[in-house]
Amino acid sequence: MTSTQHESRTKLLDAALDVFRAKGYTATRVEDICAAAGLTKGSFFHHFKTKDELAIAAAGRWTEVTGALFRGADYHKPTDPVDRVLGYIEFRKQLLRGSLAEYTCLLGTLIQEVYDTNPPIRIACEASISSHVATLVDDIEAAKAAHAPGASWSTESLALHMQAVIQGSYIIAKARYGADPAAESIEHLKRYVAGLFGRSIQ
């Protein structure tokens, strides 16, 4: 693949991240992706046979883009792992900026639509979610060992619960058409997680 071809493929994927979140998977047409990317349908079909194939690749692109964002975030800096876990939750709250389509999750949007009708897309999205959950496990494990060694819950289950609350907060944000309810939900999550490690947040 030439650099120009790689660039056009990336433009299509990045356009898909935006358009799928704004319009949903079913309502999005190939033409919508092409228009957002500034490319022709010929370019689209050079890279992807179908919209389904694009969606699967978009899940991988989401992992790449968001992975870089989270790796570079300041919540990794504290020495106490509890502060890192709580910092991660706070970071998720701080990302609630811009339009609904800008801060809601591609993976949640796709899964809600196709979980039963398009298993390949669901599987690609689940893989992306699992890869993100894996980045949290070490800090949660360290926090548990230091501050809640007798707790019966597993580190992965807490990481998944955190994602469930965050994804649910996006649904509430969409229902109420604003970020404030989502921010309050994530703040409740932070209080809950702090309590698991003996911290108190008012």
Foldseek 3Di string as FASTA:
>chain_A
DDPVLVVLLVLLLVLCLLCCLVPNLVRDDSVSSCVSSVHDVVSVCVPDVDSVRSLLVSLVVLLVVVVVVVVPDPLVPDPQLLSSLLVVLVVLLVLQDDFLSRNAGSLLRHCVVPVPPDVSSVVSSVVSLVVVLVVSQVSQVRLCVVQPVPDPDHSSVLSVVLVVQLNVLSVVCVVVVHNVSSSVSSVVSSQVSCVNRVHHDD
